[in-house]
Protein backbone atom coordinates (compact mmCIF):
# COMPACT_ATOMS: atom_id res chain seq x y z
CA MET A 1 14.85 3.46 -13.78
CA THR A 2 15.40 -0.24 -14.19
CA GLY A 3 14.59 -1.84 -17.51
CA HIS A 4 15.72 -4.14 -20.28
CA GLY A 5 15.58 -3.83 -24.06
CA GLN A 6 16.90 -5.83 -26.96
CA ALA A 7 16.88 -5.83 -30.75
CA ARG A 8 18.27 -7.92 -33.60
CA SER A 9 18.97 -7.29 -37.24
CA ARG A 10 20.24 -9.61 -39.95
CA ASP A 11 21.02 -9.39 -43.65
CA ALA A 12 23.11 -11.37 -46.12
CA VAL A 13 26.39 -10.15 -44.57
CA ASP A 14 25.87 -9.01 -40.95
CA ALA A 15 23.96 -10.33 -37.94
CA ILE A 16 23.69 -7.82 -35.10
CA GLU A 17 22.27 -8.37 -31.62
CA VAL A 18 22.00 -5.57 -29.07
CA GLU A 19 20.97 -5.85 -25.43
CA VAL A 20 20.44 -2.79 -23.24
CA ARG A 21 19.99 -2.86 -19.46
CA SER A 22 19.47 0.06 -17.11
CA VAL A 23 19.46 0.37 -13.32
CA ASN A 24 18.86 3.27 -10.98
CA HIS A 25 21.41 6.09 -10.97
CA ARG A 26 21.11 9.75 -10.09
CA TYR A 27 22.76 10.80 -13.35
CA LEU A 28 23.31 9.17 -16.75
CA LYS A 29 26.19 6.69 -16.88
CA VAL A 30 26.78 4.64 -20.03
CA HIS A 31 28.96 1.56 -20.42
CA ALA A 32 29.24 -0.14 -23.81
CA ARG A 33 30.66 -3.54 -24.70
CA LEU A 34 31.51 -3.64 -28.40
CA PRO A 35 33.27 -6.05 -30.78
CA GLU A 36 37.01 -5.42 -30.80
CA MET A 37 37.04 -3.79 -34.22
CA HIS A 38 34.39 -1.30 -33.04
CA ALA A 39 35.91 -0.55 -29.63
CA PHE A 40 36.87 2.97 -30.70
CA ARG A 41 33.15 3.73 -31.21
CA GLU A 42 32.23 3.64 -27.51
CA ALA A 43 31.82 7.43 -27.34
CA ASP A 44 29.49 7.26 -30.36
CA ILE A 45 27.33 4.69 -28.60
CA GLU A 46 27.11 6.98 -25.57
CA GLU A 47 25.86 9.82 -27.78
CA VAL A 48 23.17 7.54 -29.23
CA VAL A 49 22.06 6.57 -25.71
CA ARG A 50 21.97 10.22 -24.57
CA GLU A 51 19.47 11.02 -27.31
CA GLY A 52 16.83 8.91 -25.59
CA VAL A 53 17.91 8.35 -21.98
CA LYS A 54 18.44 11.11 -19.44
CA ARG A 55 19.06 9.19 -16.23
CA GLY A 56 20.28 5.79 -15.07
CA ALA A 57 23.26 3.47 -15.37
CA VAL A 58 22.94 1.96 -18.85
CA ASP A 59 24.84 -1.08 -20.16
CA VAL A 60 24.90 -1.60 -23.93
CA ASP A 61 26.07 -4.98 -25.21
CA VAL A 62 26.62 -5.23 -28.99
CA ARG A 63 27.31 -8.60 -30.61
CA LEU A 64 28.20 -8.76 -34.30
CA THR A 65 28.77 -11.63 -36.69
CA SER A 66 29.84 -10.84 -40.26
CA ARG A 67 30.55 -13.01 -43.24
CA PRO A 68 33.93 -12.38 -44.92
CA ASP A 69 33.73 -10.00 -47.87
CA PRO A 70 36.47 -10.55 -50.47
CA LYS A 71 36.31 -6.88 -51.38
CA GLU A 72 37.29 -5.99 -47.84
CA ASN A 73 40.06 -8.57 -47.34
CA PRO A 74 42.37 -7.01 -44.75
CA VAL A 75 45.30 -9.33 -45.52
CA ASP A 76 47.92 -8.28 -48.08
CA GLN A 77 48.49 -11.72 -49.53
CA ASP A 78 51.35 -10.63 -51.81
CA LEU A 79 53.27 -9.18 -48.87
CA LEU A 80 52.45 -12.28 -46.80
CA ALA A 81 53.94 -14.54 -49.50
CA GLN A 82 57.02 -12.33 -49.74
CA TYR A 83 57.61 -12.53 -46.00
CA HIS A 84 57.20 -16.31 -46.15
CA ARG A 85 59.76 -16.71 -48.97
CA SER A 86 62.24 -14.39 -47.25
CA LEU A 87 62.02 -16.19 -43.92
CA LYS A 88 62.39 -19.61 -45.53
CA ALA A 89 65.40 -18.40 -47.53
CA ALA A 90 67.02 -16.86 -44.44
CA GLY A 91 66.57 -20.08 -42.50
CA LYS A 92 68.09 -22.14 -45.30
CA LYS A 93 71.07 -19.79 -45.65
CA LEU A 94 71.77 -19.81 -41.92
CA GLY A 95 71.16 -23.52 -41.61
CA ILE A 96 68.35 -22.96 -39.18
CA GLY A 97 65.41 -25.28 -39.43
CA THR A 98 62.21 -23.37 -38.61
CA GLU A 99 58.51 -23.65 -39.18
CA VAL A 100 56.95 -20.41 -40.34
CA THR A 101 53.36 -20.30 -39.04
CA LEU A 102 50.53 -18.20 -40.39
CA ASP A 103 49.90 -16.67 -36.96
CA ALA A 104 53.47 -15.39 -36.87
CA LEU A 105 53.26 -13.99 -40.40
CA LEU A 106 50.06 -12.08 -39.61
CA THR A 107 51.86 -10.12 -36.89
CA LEU A 108 54.47 -8.73 -39.31
CA PRO A 109 54.19 -5.05 -40.36
CA GLY A 110 51.80 -4.32 -43.19
CA VAL A 111 50.35 -7.83 -43.56
CA VAL A 112 47.04 -6.84 -41.99
CA ARG A 113 45.79 -3.62 -43.56
CA ARG A 114 44.21 -1.49 -40.83
CA ASP A 115 42.59 0.74 -43.40
CA ALA A 116 40.63 -2.23 -44.73
CA GLN A 117 39.49 -3.10 -41.21
CA ARG A 118 38.34 0.47 -40.66
CA GLY A 119 36.47 0.33 -43.96
CA GLY A 120 34.58 -2.70 -42.68
CA THR A 121 33.53 -0.87 -39.52
CA ASP A 122 32.32 2.08 -41.57
CA ARG A 123 30.18 -0.24 -43.67
CA VAL A 124 28.46 -1.97 -40.78
CA TRP A 125 28.30 0.91 -38.29
CA PRO A 126 25.00 2.45 -39.54
CA LYS A 127 23.40 -0.97 -39.06
CA VAL A 128 24.75 -1.13 -35.51
CA VAL A 129 23.38 2.34 -34.69
CA LYS A 130 19.95 1.43 -36.08
CA THR A 131 19.84 -1.75 -34.01
CA VAL A 132 20.97 0.08 -30.86
CA LYS A 133 18.18 2.62 -31.35
CA SER A 134 15.66 -0.22 -31.70
CA ALA A 135 16.93 -1.76 -28.45
CA LEU A 136 16.67 1.65 -26.73
CA ALA A 137 13.07 1.98 -27.94
CA ASP A 138 12.35 -1.42 -26.39
CA LEU A 139 14.04 -0.27 -23.17
CA ASP A 140 11.99 2.94 -23.16
CA ALA A 141 8.75 0.96 -23.47
CA ALA A 142 9.79 -1.24 -20.52
CA ARG A 143 10.69 1.82 -18.43
CA LYS A 144 7.34 3.44 -19.21
CA ARG A 145 5.52 0.33 -18.03
CA GLU A 146 7.57 0.45 -14.83
CA GLY A 147 6.76 4.15 -14.45
CA ASP A 148 3.03 3.47 -14.73
CA ARG A 149 3.35 0.86 -11.98
CA LEU A 150 5.10 3.39 -9.73
CA LYS A 151 2.26 5.93 -9.88
CA LYS A 152 0.10 4.04 -7.37
CA PRO A 153 2.72 3.80 -4.56
CA LEU A 154 3.80 7.41 -5.15
CA ARG A 155 0.24 8.67 -4.81
CA ALA A 156 -0.22 6.54 -1.66
CA ILE A 157 2.80 8.24 -0.09
CA LEU A 158 1.53 11.69 -1.11
CA LYS A 159 -1.84 10.87 0.46
CA ALA A 160 -0.13 9.91 3.72
CA ILE A 161 1.85 13.18 3.74
CA ALA A 162 -1.30 15.19 2.97
CA GLY A 163 -3.08 13.49 5.90
CA LEU A 164 -0.23 14.42 8.23
CA MET A 165 -0.34 17.99 6.90
CA ASP A 166 -4.04 18.16 7.77
CA GLU A 167 -3.21 17.18 11.34
CA VAL A 168 -0.35 19.70 11.51
CA ARG A 169 -2.62 22.46 10.21
CA GLU A 170 -5.20 21.57 12.88
CA ILE A 171 -2.71 21.40 15.77
CA ALA A 172 -0.56 24.46 14.92
CA PRO A 173 -3.06 27.17 16.03
CA THR A 174 -3.50 25.48 19.42
CA VAL A 175 0.20 25.66 20.31
CA PRO A 176 0.36 29.34 21.52
CA PRO A 177 -2.79 29.07 23.71
CA ALA A 178 -1.47 25.84 25.22
CA TYR A 179 1.85 27.56 25.93
CA ARG A 180 -0.01 30.48 27.56
CA ASP A 181 -1.91 28.14 29.85
CA ARG A 182 1.28 26.27 30.81
CA LEU A 183 3.11 29.54 31.43
CA LYS A 184 0.35 30.87 33.68
CA GLU A 185 0.26 27.65 35.62
CA ARG A 186 4.05 27.65 36.04
CA LEU A 187 4.10 31.28 37.16
CA GLY A 188 1.29 30.58 39.60
CA ARG A 189 3.39 27.87 41.24
CA LEU A 190 6.54 30.00 41.33
CA LEU A 191 4.97 33.19 42.69
CA GLY A 192 3.84 33.17 46.29
CA ALA A 193 0.61 34.67 47.54
CA GLY A 194 2.40 37.86 48.58
CA GLU A 195 4.34 38.33 45.33
CA PRO A 196 3.17 40.98 42.86
CA PRO A 197 1.50 39.45 39.80
CA ILE A 198 3.18 39.49 36.40
CA ALA A 199 1.99 42.47 34.36
CA ALA A 200 -0.42 41.55 31.60
CA ALA A 201 1.70 43.53 29.12
CA ASP A 202 4.83 41.54 30.00
CA LEU A 203 2.93 38.30 29.69
CA GLY A 204 1.51 39.43 26.37
CA ARG A 205 4.95 40.26 24.99
CA GLU A 206 6.26 36.84 25.99
CA LEU A 207 3.32 35.14 24.33
CA ALA A 208 3.73 37.27 21.17
CA VAL A 209 7.41 36.33 20.89
CA PHE A 210 6.59 32.65 21.37
CA ALA A 211 3.74 32.75 18.85
CA ASP A 212 6.00 34.35 16.25
CA ARG A 213 8.80 31.87 16.91
CA CYS A 214 6.56 28.83 16.47
CA ASP A 215 4.49 30.14 13.56
CA ILE A 216 4.70 27.57 10.74
CA SER A 217 1.91 28.91 8.53
CA GLU A 218 4.34 29.80 5.73
CA GLU A 219 5.97 26.38 5.86
CA ILE A 220 2.54 24.71 5.72
CA ALA A 221 1.60 26.74 2.63
CA ARG A 222 4.87 25.91 0.87
CA GLN A 223 4.59 22.24 1.73
CA GLU A 224 1.10 22.08 0.28
CA SER A 225 2.43 23.75 -2.87
CA HIS A 226 5.17 21.10 -3.15
CA LEU A 227 2.59 18.33 -2.78
CA ALA A 228 0.52 19.82 -5.60
CA GLU A 229 3.63 20.14 -7.78
CA PHE A 230 4.59 16.52 -7.14
CA GLU A 231 1.13 15.38 -8.18
CA LYS A 232 1.53 17.27 -11.47
CA LEU A 233 4.89 15.57 -12.06
CA ILE A 234 3.31 12.15 -11.54
CA ALA A 235 0.83 13.01 -14.29
CA GLY A 236 3.73 13.33 -16.75
CA GLY A 237 6.20 15.69 -18.38
CA GLU A 238 9.83 15.98 -19.43
CA ASP A 239 12.73 15.11 -17.14
CA VAL A 240 10.34 14.51 -14.22
CA GLY A 241 12.87 12.42 -12.27
CA ARG A 242 15.19 15.34 -11.62
CA ARG A 243 12.30 17.67 -10.86
CA MET A 244 10.85 15.16 -8.41
CA ASP A 245 14.26 14.87 -6.79
CA PHE A 246 14.41 18.65 -6.33
CA THR A 247 10.82 18.80 -5.03
CA THR A 248 11.43 16.13 -2.39
CA GLN A 249 14.51 18.04 -1.21
CA GLU A 250 12.35 21.13 -0.77
CA MET A 251 9.66 19.09 1.03
CA LEU A 252 12.26 17.73 3.44
CA ARG A 253 13.57 21.25 4.02
CA GLU A 254 10.10 22.52 4.92
CA ALA A 255 9.54 19.56 7.26
CA ASN A 256 12.86 20.23 9.02
CA THR A 257 11.96 23.91 9.45
CA MET A 258 8.56 23.01 10.88
CA GLY A 259 10.24 20.56 13.24
CA SER A 260 12.68 23.17 14.52
CA LYS A 261 9.80 25.61 15.20
CA ALA A 262 7.23 23.12 16.48
CA ASN A 263 7.65 23.46 20.27
CA ASP A 264 4.92 20.87 20.68
CA ALA A 265 5.18 17.12 21.11
CA ARG A 266 2.09 16.47 19.00
CA LEU A 267 3.49 18.47 16.08
CA THR A 268 6.89 16.86 16.44
CA GLN A 269 5.35 13.39 16.20
CA ARG A 270 3.53 14.28 12.95
CA ILE A 271 6.55 15.96 11.42
CA VAL A 272 8.81 12.97 12.18
CA SER A 273 6.25 10.74 10.44
CA MET A 274 6.12 13.19 7.52
CA LYS A 275 9.90 13.08 7.11
CA ALA A 276 9.77 9.29 7.04
CA GLU A 277 7.20 9.42 4.21
CA ILE A 278 9.33 11.93 2.27
CA GLU A 279 12.29 9.55 2.55
CA LYS A 280 10.08 6.87 0.98
CA LEU A 281 9.41 9.27 -1.89
CA LYS A 282 13.13 9.85 -2.36
CA GLU A 283 13.74 6.10 -2.60
CA GLN A 284 10.99 5.61 -5.16
CA ILE A 285 11.97 8.47 -7.47
CA GLN A 286 15.42 6.97 -7.98
CA ASN A 287 13.49 4.66 -10.32
CA ILE A 288 12.17 7.55 -12.41
CA GLU A 289 13.84 9.29 -15.32
């Protein structure tokens, strides 16, 4: 389901801003953009998202600004000074004039203490997680509002399908008698006046086979059950998006079976319209978690 959430937190040291966006996706897919020093935490962010989101493509954007803390200074200044003296002395001895820049010194082994950097991430990480959860709560509220707006069009589609089912239920019993009348008329044209008539038993067997082949009473009952189940899912519950997805697949299966057994243009017309409405349902539920 589409949605947007954001949250901010600030204290004397750290300012954190988190923005979360989600779009439709059949499964859960998480992509996080983190400050460089927190890049290794992407899997942790995904776990936080999975606690509250079950479906959708979710982008998490974390922005962090921290004031320097002298206690967490990652630069070994003594080693930096030693490198500087050694390089200047080597240049003087070799007669090479060179300018030793700070950027170059910071790239030398051991000058920047990685353990100090990691300590800084450990300090601020709980604040990041808390802010991400606040942004996800804001996203969840937005998605719920969107879900409430979707109830009306979903129920309109279900009403259209139910109306078509009423017509199918009314037409279905008339199909075998109509076939009988057409068969009698066709046989009457094919058989001449002097030809022996078709035995009633043979005609009855043919009609019985046809009636059995085009019987869709079970499919009608199952389709009505699926409609009732979908209405319950609209009312609420856990993980309704996936369950709606499964229910629409079953509804489409029943419609296809009815179409293959219809043997009647009137039924075929209604079933084609029903399948079109079910496709509308499938499009809408991509927005639902």
